[in-house]
Amino acid sequence: MKRWIAISILGILCLGLFLILEYTISELESTKSMLAPMQTELASAQAGLETTKEELNELKVSYNGLLSGHGYTIKDPTYREMMNFIKQDKTDRMQYVEDEYVCQDFAAEVCNNAEEKGIRCAYIIINYPDGGHAIVAFDTIDRGLIYVEPQHDELVKPVIGEHYYQCVTPMSGYYYEEPDYDDTIEKILVIW
């Protein structure tokens, strides 16, 4: 009889363990079904996090570019800042070489050098009846638009209908002779 009682108790315990196991399996399945949408949501959040990380890296690159003076950090200088830049810039020391290094090259180099210093500089094309010329300009915040002859660092005041050689305002004593071609200014194109 003790044996029957022990077997009965074991049977009841097994039945109880079986019921507990069934309940646990049922709870586990329920938890799994609840976890599936959360896993999907987590995967979506991780993808969003990766996108945000990429965007932050792009912003960091842009920010570093801004700090280095490129992009949108260029600004219009004061007259004094422009004059200091022109004095320090060494483009005027370059040698003019026909068909190799001409006025367009001088103007482009000054514009590039100004941008490196965070200064906005315009590339200017002046049209004559018999050709043209390239110079630069700065829109100074205290004196307005100032034109500069990049080959000699002279300030110029080009006026449509006037001869270019007469528009130079020599600062260093550089003298412009009348050219053997018609340098009457027909058009001034300002490119920022």
C-alpha atoms as a PDB file:
ATOM      1  CA  MET A   1       0.000   0.000   0.000  1.00  0.00           C
ATOM      2  CA  LYS A   2       2.823   2.292   0.721  1.00  0.00           C
ATOM      3  CA  ARG A   3       3.935   1.511  -2.753  1.00  0.00           C
ATOM      4  CA  TRP A   4       0.577   2.523  -4.205  1.00  0.00           C
ATOM      5  CA  ILE A   5       0.659   5.716  -2.276  1.00  0.00           C
ATOM      6  CA  ALA A   6       4.183   6.437  -3.492  1.00  0.00           C
ATOM      7  CA  ILE A   7       3.179   5.604  -7.072  1.00  0.00           C
ATOM      8  CA  SER A   8       0.086   7.781  -6.758  1.00  0.00           C
ATOM      9  CA  ILE A   9       2.122  10.658  -5.362  1.00  0.00           C
ATOM     10  CA  LEU A  10       4.668  10.185  -8.154  1.00  0.00           C
ATOM     11  CA  GLY A  11       1.837  10.108 -10.698  1.00  0.00           C
ATOM     12  CA  ILE A  12       0.334  13.296  -9.272  1.00  0.00           C
ATOM     13  CA  LEU A  13       3.762  14.943  -9.229  1.00  0.00           C
ATOM     14  CA  CYS A  14       4.381  13.874 -12.852  1.00  0.00           C
ATOM     15  CA  LEU A  15       0.949  15.157 -13.851  1.00  0.00           C
ATOM     16  CA  GLY A  16       1.691  18.432 -12.039  1.00  0.00           C
ATOM     17  CA  LEU A  17       5.084  18.691 -13.726  1.00  0.00           C
ATOM     18  CA  PHE A  18       3.465  17.912 -17.072  1.00  0.00           C
ATOM     19  CA  LEU A  19       0.866  20.658 -16.516  1.00  0.00           C
ATOM     20  CA  ILE A  20       3.588  23.071 -15.437  1.00  0.00           C
ATOM     21  CA  LEU A  21       5.600  22.115 -18.530  1.00  0.00           C
ATOM     22  CA  GLU A  22       2.542  22.642 -20.785  1.00  0.00           C
ATOM     23  CA  TYR A  23       1.886  26.015 -19.172  1.00  0.00           C
ATOM     24  CA  THR A  24       5.541  27.001 -19.543  1.00  0.00           C
ATOM     25  CA  ILE A  25       5.568  25.955 -23.215  1.00  0.00           C
ATOM     26  CA  SER A  26       2.361  27.915 -23.794  1.00  0.00           C
ATOM     27  CA  GLU A  27       3.873  30.992 -22.099  1.00  0.00           C
ATOM     28  CA  LEU A  28       7.059  30.548 -24.097  1.00  0.00           C
ATOM     29  CA  GLU A  29       5.098  30.442 -27.371  1.00  0.00           C
ATOM     30  CA  SER A  30       3.135  33.521 -26.286  1.00  0.00           C
ATOM     31  CA  THR A  31       6.369  35.329 -25.429  1.00  0.00           C
ATOM     32  CA  LYS A  32       7.864  34.315 -28.794  1.00  0.00           C
ATOM     33  CA  SER A  33       4.830  35.700 -30.620  1.00  0.00           C
ATOM     34  CA  MET A  34       5.185  38.950 -28.653  1.00  0.00           C
ATOM     35  CA  LEU A  35       8.929  39.090 -29.387  1.00  0.00           C
ATOM     36  CA  ALA A  36       8.544  38.729 -33.173  1.00  0.00           C
ATOM     37  CA  PRO A  37       7.105  42.255 -33.695  1.00  0.00           C
ATOM     38  CA  MET A  38       9.636  43.634 -31.198  1.00  0.00           C
ATOM     39  CA  GLN A  39      12.465  42.005 -33.163  1.00  0.00           C
ATOM     40  CA  THR A  40      11.101  43.562 -36.336  1.00  0.00           C
ATOM     41  CA  GLU A  41      10.875  46.918 -34.560  1.00  0.00           C
ATOM     42  CA  LEU A  42      14.420  46.481 -33.222  1.00  0.00           C
ATOM     43  CA  ALA A  43      15.745  45.668 -36.721  1.00  0.00           C
ATOM     44  CA  SER A  44      13.976  48.767 -38.050  1.00  0.00           C
ATOM     45  CA  ALA A  45      15.437  50.868 -35.227  1.00  0.00           C
ATOM     46  CA  GLN A  46      18.921  49.483 -35.962  1.00  0.00           C
ATOM     47  CA  ALA A  47      18.526  50.359 -39.658  1.00  0.00           C
ATOM     48  CA  GLY A  48      17.403  53.857 -38.631  1.00  0.00           C
ATOM     49  CA  LEU A  49      20.398  54.084 -36.338  1.00  0.00           C
ATOM     50  CA  GLU A  50      22.744  53.136 -39.190  1.00  0.00           C
ATOM     51  CA  THR A  51      21.148  55.801 -41.407  1.00  0.00           C
ATOM     52  CA  THR A  52      21.517  58.375 -38.629  1.00  0.00           C
ATOM     53  CA  LYS A  53      25.142  57.299 -38.131  1.00  0.00           C
ATOM     54  CA  GLU A  54      25.831  57.803 -41.870  1.00  0.00           C
ATOM     55  CA  GLU A  55      24.131  61.207 -41.785  1.00  0.00           C
ATOM     56  CA  LEU A  56      26.231  62.189 -38.755  1.00  0.00           C
ATOM     57  CA  ASN A  57      29.391  61.131 -40.582  1.00  0.00           C
ATOM     58  CA  GLU A  58      28.352  63.270 -43.571  1.00  0.00           C
ATOM     59  CA  LEU A  59      27.667  66.191 -41.237  1.00  0.00           C
ATOM     60  CA  LYS A  60      31.059  65.671 -39.619  1.00  0.00           C
ATOM     61  CA  VAL A  61      32.745  65.784 -43.024  1.00  0.00           C
ATOM     62  CA  SER A  62      30.764  68.931 -43.902  1.00  0.00           C
ATOM     63  CA  TYR A  63      31.590  70.485 -40.540  1.00  0.00           C
ATOM     64  CA  ASN A  64      35.295  69.710 -40.984  1.00  0.00           C
ATOM     65  CA  GLY A  65      35.081  71.228 -44.460  1.00  0.00           C
ATOM     66  CA  LEU A  66      33.547  74.355 -42.990  1.00  0.00           C
ATOM     67  CA  LEU A  67      36.283  74.588 -40.390  1.00  0.00           C
ATOM     68  CA  SER A  68      38.955  74.222 -43.048  1.00  0.00           C
ATOM     69  CA  GLY A  69      37.582  77.217 -44.955  1.00  0.00           C
ATOM     70  CA  HIS A  70      35.843  75.475 -47.819  1.00  0.00           C
ATOM     71  CA  GLY A  71      32.195  75.423 -48.746  1.00  0.00           C
ATOM     72  CA  TYR A  72      29.922  78.034 -47.296  1.00  0.00           C
ATOM     73  CA  THR A  73      32.388  79.686 -44.968  1.00  0.00           C
ATOM     74  CA  ILE A  74      33.639  82.144 -47.557  1.00  0.00           C
ATOM     75  CA  LYS A  75      32.649  85.693 -46.744  1.00  0.00           C
ATOM     76  CA  ASP A  76      32.842  89.158 -48.158  1.00  0.00           C
ATOM     77  CA  PRO A  77      35.890  90.885 -46.655  1.00  0.00           C
ATOM     78  CA  THR A  78      36.373  94.374 -45.348  1.00  0.00           C
ATOM     79  CA  TYR A  79      38.466  96.644 -47.566  1.00  0.00           C
ATOM     80  CA  ARG A  80      41.402  96.201 -45.194  1.00  0.00           C
ATOM     81  CA  GLU A  81      41.066  92.380 -45.214  1.00  0.00           C
ATOM     82  CA  MET A  82      40.987  92.444 -49.020  1.00  0.00           C
ATOM     83  CA  MET A  83      44.071  94.662 -49.228  1.00  0.00           C
ATOM     84  CA  ASN A  84      45.937  92.468 -46.726  1.00  0.00           C
ATOM     85  CA  PHE A  85      45.039  89.386 -48.762  1.00  0.00           C
ATOM     86  CA  ILE A  86      46.196  91.030 -52.003  1.00  0.00           C
ATOM     87  CA  LYS A  87      49.507  92.076 -50.410  1.00  0.00           C
ATOM     88  CA  GLN A  88      50.128  88.558 -49.062  1.00  0.00           C
ATOM     89  CA  ASP A  89      48.998  86.719 -52.196  1.00  0.00           C
ATOM     90  CA  LYS A  90      51.929  85.860 -54.460  1.00  0.00           C
ATOM     91  CA  THR A  91      50.044  85.434 -57.738  1.00  0.00           C
ATOM     92  CA  ASP A  92      51.329  88.781 -59.038  1.00  0.00           C
ATOM     93  CA  ARG A  93      54.865  87.345 -58.870  1.00  0.00           C
ATOM     94  CA  MET A  94      54.016  84.744 -61.510  1.00  0.00           C
ATOM     95  CA  GLN A  95      55.433  85.277 -64.986  1.00  0.00           C
ATOM     96  CA  TYR A  96      53.012  86.101 -67.821  1.00  0.00           C
ATOM     97  CA  VAL A  97      53.712  83.575 -70.594  1.00  0.00           C
ATOM     98  CA  GLU A  98      51.773  83.972 -73.853  1.00  0.00           C
ATOM     99  CA  ASP A  99      49.449  80.993 -74.484  1.00  0.00           C
ATOM    100  CA  GLU A 100      50.580  79.305 -71.221  1.00  0.00           C
ATOM    101  CA  TYR A 101      49.977  81.516 -68.203  1.00  0.00           C
ATOM    102  CA  VAL A 102      47.811  84.500 -69.097  1.00  0.00           C
ATOM    103  CA  CYS A 103      45.306  86.864 -67.505  1.00  0.00           C
ATOM    104  CA  GLN A 104      42.704  84.102 -67.016  1.00  0.00           C
ATOM    105  CA  ASP A 105      45.254  82.038 -65.074  1.00  0.00           C
ATOM    106  CA  PHE A 106      46.189  84.984 -62.846  1.00  0.00           C
ATOM    107  CA  ALA A 107      42.501  85.677 -62.084  1.00  0.00           C
ATOM    108  CA  ALA A 108      41.655  82.012 -61.433  1.00  0.00           C
ATOM    109  CA  GLU A 109      44.622  81.605 -59.097  1.00  0.00           C
ATOM    110  CA  VAL A 110      43.713  84.681 -57.046  1.00  0.00           C
ATOM    111  CA  CYS A 111      40.097  83.431 -56.786  1.00  0.00           C
ATOM    112  CA  ASN A 112      41.269  79.995 -55.604  1.00  0.00           C
ATOM    113  CA  ASN A 113      43.722  81.498 -53.114  1.00  0.00           C
ATOM    114  CA  ALA A 114      41.032  83.806 -51.742  1.00  0.00           C
ATOM    115  CA  GLU A 115      38.639  80.887 -51.258  1.00  0.00           C
ATOM    116  CA  GLU A 116      41.331  78.995 -49.339  1.00  0.00           C
ATOM    117  CA  LYS A 117      41.519  81.993 -46.999  1.00  0.00           C
ATOM    118  CA  GLY A 118      37.708  82.079 -46.628  1.00  0.00           C
ATOM    119  CA  ILE A 119      37.328  85.219 -48.752  1.00  0.00           C
ATOM    120  CA  ARG A 120      34.748  85.490 -51.524  1.00  0.00           C
ATOM    121  CA  CYS A 121      36.289  86.630 -54.790  1.00  0.00           C
ATOM    122  CA  ALA A 122      34.673  87.164 -58.199  1.00  0.00           C
ATOM    123  CA  TYR A 123      36.212  86.190 -61.515  1.00  0.00           C
ATOM    124  CA  ILE A 124      35.670  89.104 -63.918  1.00  0.00           C
ATOM    125  CA  ILE A 125      35.630  88.886 -67.712  1.00  0.00           C
ATOM    126  CA  ILE A 126      36.020  92.171 -69.569  1.00  0.00           C
ATOM    127  CA  ASN A 127      35.149  92.159 -73.271  1.00  0.00           C
ATOM    128  CA  TYR A 128      36.831  94.499 -75.787  1.00  0.00           C
ATOM    129  CA  PRO A 129      36.086  94.865 -79.491  1.00  0.00           C
ATOM    130  CA  ASP A 130      39.430  93.185 -80.168  1.00  0.00           C
ATOM    131  CA  GLY A 131      39.500  90.556 -77.393  1.00  0.00           C
ATOM    132  CA  GLY A 132      39.138  90.577 -73.681  1.00  0.00           C
ATOM    133  CA  HIS A 133      40.756  90.413 -70.282  1.00  0.00           C
ATOM    134  CA  ALA A 134      40.240  88.694 -66.922  1.00  0.00           C
ATOM    135  CA  ILE A 135      40.585  90.315 -63.503  1.00  0.00           C
ATOM    136  CA  VAL A 136      39.067  89.752 -60.035  1.00  0.00           C
ATOM    137  CA  ALA A 137      36.798  91.656 -57.663  1.00  0.00           C
ATOM    138  CA  PHE A 138      35.854  91.642 -54.001  1.00  0.00           C
ATOM    139  CA  ASP A 139      32.538  92.879 -52.624  1.00  0.00           C
ATOM    140  CA  THR A 140      33.936  94.571 -49.541  1.00  0.00           C
ATOM    141  CA  ILE A 141      31.464  95.144 -46.747  1.00  0.00           C
ATOM    142  CA  ASP A 142      32.632  98.698 -46.116  1.00  0.00           C
ATOM    143  CA  ARG A 143      33.526 100.054 -49.592  1.00  0.00           C
ATOM    144  CA  GLY A 144      31.510  97.930 -52.005  1.00  0.00           C
ATOM    145  CA  LEU A 145      32.767  96.218 -55.135  1.00  0.00           C
ATOM    146  CA  ILE A 146      36.527  96.637 -55.633  1.00  0.00           C
ATOM    147  CA  TYR A 147      38.183  95.428 -58.849  1.00  0.00           C
ATOM    148  CA  VAL A 148      41.791  94.232 -58.787  1.00  0.00           C
ATOM    149  CA  GLU A 149      44.217  93.575 -61.637  1.00  0.00           C
ATOM    150  CA  PRO A 150      45.742  90.270 -60.426  1.00  0.00           C
ATOM    151  CA  GLN A 151      48.883  90.543 -62.562  1.00  0.00           C
ATOM    152  CA  HIS A 152      50.086  93.658 -60.707  1.00  0.00           C
ATOM    153  CA  ASP A 153      47.785  93.942 -57.655  1.00  0.00           C
ATOM    154  CA  GLU A 154      46.551  97.323 -58.870  1.00  0.00           C
ATOM    155  CA  LEU A 155      43.034  98.551 -58.161  1.00  0.00           C
ATOM    156  CA  VAL A 156      41.036  99.211 -61.317  1.00  0.00           C
ATOM    157  CA  LYS A 157      37.715 100.896 -61.986  1.00  0.00           C
ATOM    158  CA  PRO A 158      36.459  99.437 -65.262  1.00  0.00           C
ATOM    159  CA  VAL A 159      33.696 101.431 -66.917  1.00  0.00           C
ATOM    160  CA  ILE A 160      31.826 100.369 -70.039  1.00  0.00           C
ATOM    161  CA  GLY A 161      32.838 102.676 -72.899  1.00  0.00           C
ATOM    162  CA  GLU A 162      36.220 103.531 -71.348  1.00  0.00           C
ATOM    163  CA  HIS A 163      39.641 102.164 -72.304  1.00  0.00           C
ATOM    164  CA  TYR A 164      40.823  99.552 -69.820  1.00  0.00           C
ATOM    165  CA  TYR A 165      44.381 100.902 -69.645  1.00  0.00           C
ATOM    166  CA  GLN A 166      42.923 104.206 -68.351  1.00  0.00           C
ATOM    167  CA  CYS A 167      40.894 102.480 -65.591  1.00  0.00           C
ATOM    168  CA  VAL A 168      43.915 101.529 -63.512  1.00  0.00           C
ATOM    169  CA  THR A 169      44.500 103.444 -60.284  1.00  0.00           C
ATOM    170  CA  PRO A 170      48.211 102.783 -59.729  1.00  0.00           C
ATOM    171  CA  MET A 171      49.122 102.103 -56.120  1.00  0.00           C
ATOM    172  CA  SER A 172      52.675 100.934 -56.732  1.00  0.00           C
ATOM    173  CA  GLY A 173      53.541 103.288 -59.558  1.00  0.00           C
ATOM    174  CA  TYR A 174      52.917 100.673 -62.234  1.00  0.00           C
ATOM    175  CA  TYR A 175      52.090 102.494 -65.473  1.00  0.00           C
ATOM    176  CA  TYR A 176      49.780 101.069 -68.140  1.00  0.00           C
ATOM    177  CA  GLU A 177      50.628 102.129 -71.655  1.00  0.00           C
ATOM    178  CA  GLU A 178      48.011 102.439 -74.362  1.00  0.00           C
ATOM    179  CA  PRO A 179      47.892  99.053 -76.109  1.00  0.00           C
ATOM    180  CA  ASP A 180      48.136  98.594 -79.868  1.00  0.00           C
ATOM    181  CA  TYR A 181      44.583  97.185 -79.915  1.00  0.00           C
ATOM    182  CA  ASP A 182      41.197  98.639 -78.998  1.00  0.00           C
ATOM    183  CA  ASP A 183      40.686  97.952 -75.274  1.00  0.00           C
ATOM    184  CA  THR A 184      37.421  99.877 -75.012  1.00  0.00           C
ATOM    185  CA  ILE A 185      35.302  98.026 -72.445  1.00  0.00           C
ATOM    186  CA  GLU A 186      32.116  96.700 -74.033  1.00  0.00           C
ATOM    187  CA  LYS A 187      30.943  94.316 -71.320  1.00  0.00           C
ATOM    188  CA  ILE A 188      31.888  93.417 -67.746  1.00  0.00           C
ATOM    189  CA  LEU A 189      30.847  89.929 -66.614  1.00  0.00           C
ATOM    190  CA  VAL A 190      31.062  89.243 -62.871  1.00  0.00           C
ATOM    191  CA  ILE A 191      31.174  85.551 -61.909  1.00  0.00           C
ATOM    192  CA  TRP A 192      30.844  84.633 -58.241  1.00  0.00           C
END
